[in-house]
N, C-alpha and C. Protein backbone atom coordinates (compact mmCIF):
# COMPACT_ATOMS: atom_id res chain seq x y z
N MET A 1 -84.17 164.86 77.01
CA MET A 1 -82.67 164.18 76.25
C MET A 1 -82.12 165.87 76.47
N ASN A 2 -81.40 166.30 77.06
CA ASN A 2 -81.04 167.88 77.31
C ASN A 2 -79.22 167.66 75.86
N LEU A 3 -79.45 169.49 75.15
CA LEU A 3 -79.15 169.06 74.34
C LEU A 3 -77.30 169.15 74.69
N ILE A 4 -76.70 168.63 75.55
CA ILE A 4 -75.33 167.83 75.75
C ILE A 4 -75.15 166.44 75.87
N ALA A 5 -76.57 166.00 76.01
CA ALA A 5 -76.83 164.71 75.75
C ALA A 5 -77.13 164.33 74.10
N GLN A 6 -77.75 165.18 73.21
CA GLN A 6 -77.54 165.36 72.44
C GLN A 6 -76.62 165.33 71.48
N ILE A 7 -75.43 165.52 71.61
CA ILE A 7 -73.90 166.27 70.75
C ILE A 7 -73.18 164.98 71.75
N ALA A 8 -73.48 164.63 72.38
CA ALA A 8 -72.66 163.68 73.37
C ALA A 8 -72.88 162.47 72.72
N MET A 9 -74.47 161.81 72.26
CA MET A 9 -74.42 161.10 71.85
C MET A 9 -74.37 161.11 69.75
N ALA A 10 -74.61 162.40 69.47
CA ALA A 10 -74.50 161.94 68.10
C ALA A 10 -72.44 162.18 67.32
N ALA A 11 -71.87 162.77 68.50
CA ALA A 11 -70.64 162.62 68.42
C ALA A 11 -70.17 161.26 69.02
N ALA A 12 -70.59 160.12 69.14
CA ALA A 12 -70.56 158.68 70.12
C ALA A 12 -71.13 158.13 68.06
N GLU A 13 -71.96 157.93 68.02
CA GLU A 13 -72.34 157.91 66.56
C GLU A 13 -71.38 157.69 65.34
N THR A 14 -71.10 159.30 65.11
CA THR A 14 -69.86 158.73 64.15
C THR A 14 -68.51 158.77 64.43
N GLU A 15 -68.14 159.26 65.93
CA GLU A 15 -66.59 158.46 66.33
C GLU A 15 -66.15 157.34 65.40
N HIS A 16 -64.75 157.35 64.84
CA HIS A 16 -64.35 156.80 63.52
C HIS A 16 -63.20 155.89 64.73
N HIS A 17 -63.73 154.28 64.01
CA HIS A 17 -61.94 153.49 65.42
C HIS A 17 -61.73 153.26 63.70
N GLY A 18 -60.57 153.86 63.53
CA GLY A 18 -60.02 152.76 62.16
C GLY A 18 -58.15 153.50 62.02
N ASN A 19 -57.88 152.82 61.55
CA ASN A 19 -56.45 153.56 61.03
C ASN A 19 -56.63 154.99 59.70
N VAL A 20 -56.89 155.83 60.17
CA VAL A 20 -57.16 156.85 58.78
C VAL A 20 -55.22 156.96 57.61
N ALA A 21 -54.67 156.22 58.43
CA ALA A 21 -53.52 156.42 57.51
C ALA A 21 -53.71 155.34 56.61
N LEU A 22 -54.26 153.87 57.03
CA LEU A 22 -54.65 152.95 55.51
C LEU A 22 -55.81 153.74 54.93
N GLU A 23 -56.64 154.73 55.27
CA GLU A 23 -57.61 155.18 55.07
C GLU A 23 -57.00 155.89 53.05
N THR A 24 -55.92 156.56 53.75
CA THR A 24 -55.27 156.84 52.51
C THR A 24 -54.23 156.96 51.97
N VAL A 25 -54.10 155.64 52.08
CA VAL A 25 -52.91 155.02 50.52
C VAL A 25 -53.06 154.53 49.35
N ILE A 26 -54.43 154.93 49.55
CA ILE A 26 -55.06 154.74 47.99
C ILE A 26 -54.90 155.98 47.32
N PHE A 27 -55.09 157.39 47.71
CA PHE A 27 -54.39 158.02 47.35
C PHE A 27 -53.19 158.37 46.72
N PHE A 28 -51.87 157.54 47.90
CA PHE A 28 -50.59 157.86 47.29
C PHE A 28 -50.31 156.83 45.99
N ALA A 29 -51.43 155.72 46.06
CA ALA A 29 -51.30 154.32 45.24
C ALA A 29 -51.50 155.05 43.58
N ILE A 30 -52.47 156.09 43.75
CA ILE A 30 -53.09 156.57 42.81
C ILE A 30 -52.12 158.19 42.04
N ALA A 31 -51.67 158.53 43.12
CA ALA A 31 -50.67 159.55 43.23
C ALA A 31 -49.68 158.67 41.97
N ALA A 32 -48.83 157.85 42.63
CA ALA A 32 -48.19 156.93 42.50
C ALA A 32 -47.73 156.76 41.12
N ILE A 33 -49.34 156.25 40.74
CA ILE A 33 -49.10 155.18 39.47
C ILE A 33 -49.21 156.22 38.77
N ILE A 34 -49.86 157.14 38.49
CA ILE A 34 -50.58 158.98 37.40
C ILE A 34 -48.85 158.98 37.27
N PHE A 35 -47.49 159.40 38.68
CA PHE A 35 -46.67 160.08 38.29
C PHE A 35 -45.68 159.57 37.53
N THR A 36 -45.90 157.83 38.18
CA THR A 36 -44.79 157.70 36.52
C THR A 36 -45.54 156.88 35.45
N PHE A 37 -46.87 156.76 35.25
CA PHE A 37 -47.09 157.73 33.88
C PHE A 37 -46.21 157.85 32.93
N LEU A 38 -47.21 159.64 33.92
CA LEU A 38 -45.78 160.54 33.20
C LEU A 38 -44.57 160.70 33.05
N ALA A 39 -43.77 160.19 33.80
CA ALA A 39 -42.07 160.26 34.04
C ALA A 39 -42.02 158.78 32.60
N LEU A 40 -42.74 158.37 32.83
CA LEU A 40 -42.64 157.20 30.97
C LEU A 40 -42.63 157.69 30.13
N VAL A 41 -43.84 158.53 29.94
CA VAL A 41 -44.06 159.50 28.60
C VAL A 41 -42.91 160.70 28.23
N THR A 42 -42.37 161.48 29.70
CA THR A 42 -41.42 162.16 29.83
C THR A 42 -40.17 161.06 28.87
N LEU A 43 -39.86 160.77 29.44
CA LEU A 43 -38.58 159.40 29.67
C LEU A 43 -38.54 159.61 27.79
N SER A 44 -39.67 158.71 26.94
CA SER A 44 -40.25 158.40 26.05
C SER A 44 -39.42 159.15 24.55
N TYR A 45 -39.12 160.56 25.20
CA TYR A 45 -39.23 162.42 24.37
C TYR A 45 -37.49 161.83 24.42
N LYS A 46 -36.70 161.13 25.00
CA LYS A 46 -35.61 160.92 25.28
C LYS A 46 -34.51 160.59 23.44
N ASN A 47 -33.77 161.43 23.54
CA ASN A 47 -32.65 160.98 22.41
C ASN A 47 -33.83 160.72 20.82
N VAL A 48 -34.84 162.27 20.96
CA VAL A 48 -35.55 161.50 19.88
C VAL A 48 -35.01 162.26 19.17
N ALA A 49 -34.45 163.36 18.98
CA ALA A 49 -34.03 164.00 17.80
C ALA A 49 -32.57 163.09 17.12
N ASN A 50 -32.04 162.36 18.04
CA ASN A 50 -30.63 161.25 17.08
C ASN A 50 -31.52 159.90 16.59
N ARG A 51 -32.94 159.46 17.03
CA ARG A 51 -33.11 158.38 16.49
C ARG A 51 -33.20 158.74 14.81
N HIS A 52 -33.81 160.20 14.57
CA HIS A 52 -34.17 160.63 13.21
C HIS A 52 -33.18 161.25 12.96
N SER A 53 -32.11 160.66 12.50
CA SER A 53 -30.85 161.53 12.36
C SER A 53 -30.83 161.79 10.65
N ALA A 54 -31.19 160.65 10.59
CA ALA A 54 -30.97 159.83 9.53
C ALA A 54 -31.88 161.62 7.75
N LYS A 55 -33.06 161.56 8.19
CA LYS A 55 -34.11 162.19 7.94
C LYS A 55 -33.00 164.50 8.28
N ALA A 56 -32.99 164.08 8.96
CA ALA A 56 -32.40 165.31 9.39
C ALA A 56 -32.10 165.34 8.58
N GLU A 57 -30.55 164.38 8.40
CA GLU A 57 -29.28 164.70 7.28
C GLU A 57 -29.54 164.43 6.34
N ALA A 58 -31.16 163.95 5.83
CA ALA A 58 -31.26 164.44 3.72
C ALA A 58 -31.77 165.54 4.27
N TRP A 59 -32.36 166.34 4.87
CA TRP A 59 -33.22 167.72 4.90
C TRP A 59 -32.08 168.13 4.62
N ALA A 60 -31.13 168.55 5.50
CA ALA A 60 -29.65 169.22 5.67
C ALA A 60 -29.50 169.18 4.50
N ALA A 61 -29.61 168.19 3.67
CA ALA A 61 -28.61 167.66 2.78
C ALA A 61 -29.15 168.41 1.35
N LYS A 62 -31.21 168.51 1.13
CA LYS A 62 -31.34 169.36 0.10
C LYS A 62 -31.45 170.70 -0.19
N HIS A 63 -31.70 171.14 1.17
CA HIS A 63 -31.92 172.09 1.85
C HIS A 63 -31.13 173.33 2.24
N GLY A 64 -29.64 172.45 1.77
CA GLY A 64 -28.32 173.66 1.73
C GLY A 64 -28.22 172.74 3.97
N SER A 65 -26.83 173.68 3.90
CA SER A 65 -26.49 172.57 5.74
C SER A 65 -26.32 174.31 6.09
N ASP A 66 -26.73 175.29 5.72
CA ASP A 66 -26.37 176.42 5.90
C ASP A 66 -27.29 176.97 7.57
N GLY A 67 -28.94 176.00 7.40
CA GLY A 67 -29.41 176.25 8.69
C GLY A 67 -30.15 177.39 8.84
N HIS A 68 -29.68 178.66 8.42
CA HIS A 68 -30.52 180.02 9.26
C HIS A 68 -31.41 180.02 8.83
N GLU A 69 -32.12 179.56 7.74
CA GLU A 69 -33.78 179.78 8.04
C GLU A 69 -34.60 178.47 8.30
N ALA A 70 -33.68 177.47 9.11
CA ALA A 70 -34.80 176.38 10.41
C ALA A 70 -34.30 176.72 11.90
N GLY A 71 -35.38 175.84 11.87
CA GLY A 71 -34.73 176.46 13.71
C GLY A 71 -36.88 176.68 13.46
N HIS A 72 -36.37 176.87 15.08
CA HIS A 72 -37.77 177.53 15.27
C HIS A 72 -37.09 179.12 15.36
N GLY A 73 -38.82 179.95 15.52
CA GLY A 73 -38.63 181.38 15.85
C GLY A 73 -37.73 181.85 14.54
N HIS A 74 -36.57 181.74 13.07
CA HIS A 74 -36.16 181.91 12.22
C HIS A 74 -36.92 182.18 11.06
């Protein structure tokens, strides 16, 4: 058996007869699940400041309403 015949036989053995698109659907499904979970986590932080407005008003009443010293970077 010569080299070309061996290469042809090796190629025939490794040839795959399947739908490659269907084999990769699982990656799409995993990515969709992960991004859906991350979207739900992001949406869970929506309107958080208004949920705790009573605490914010109590803090402002206790510490003064100027708010100059409050917040980030002050």
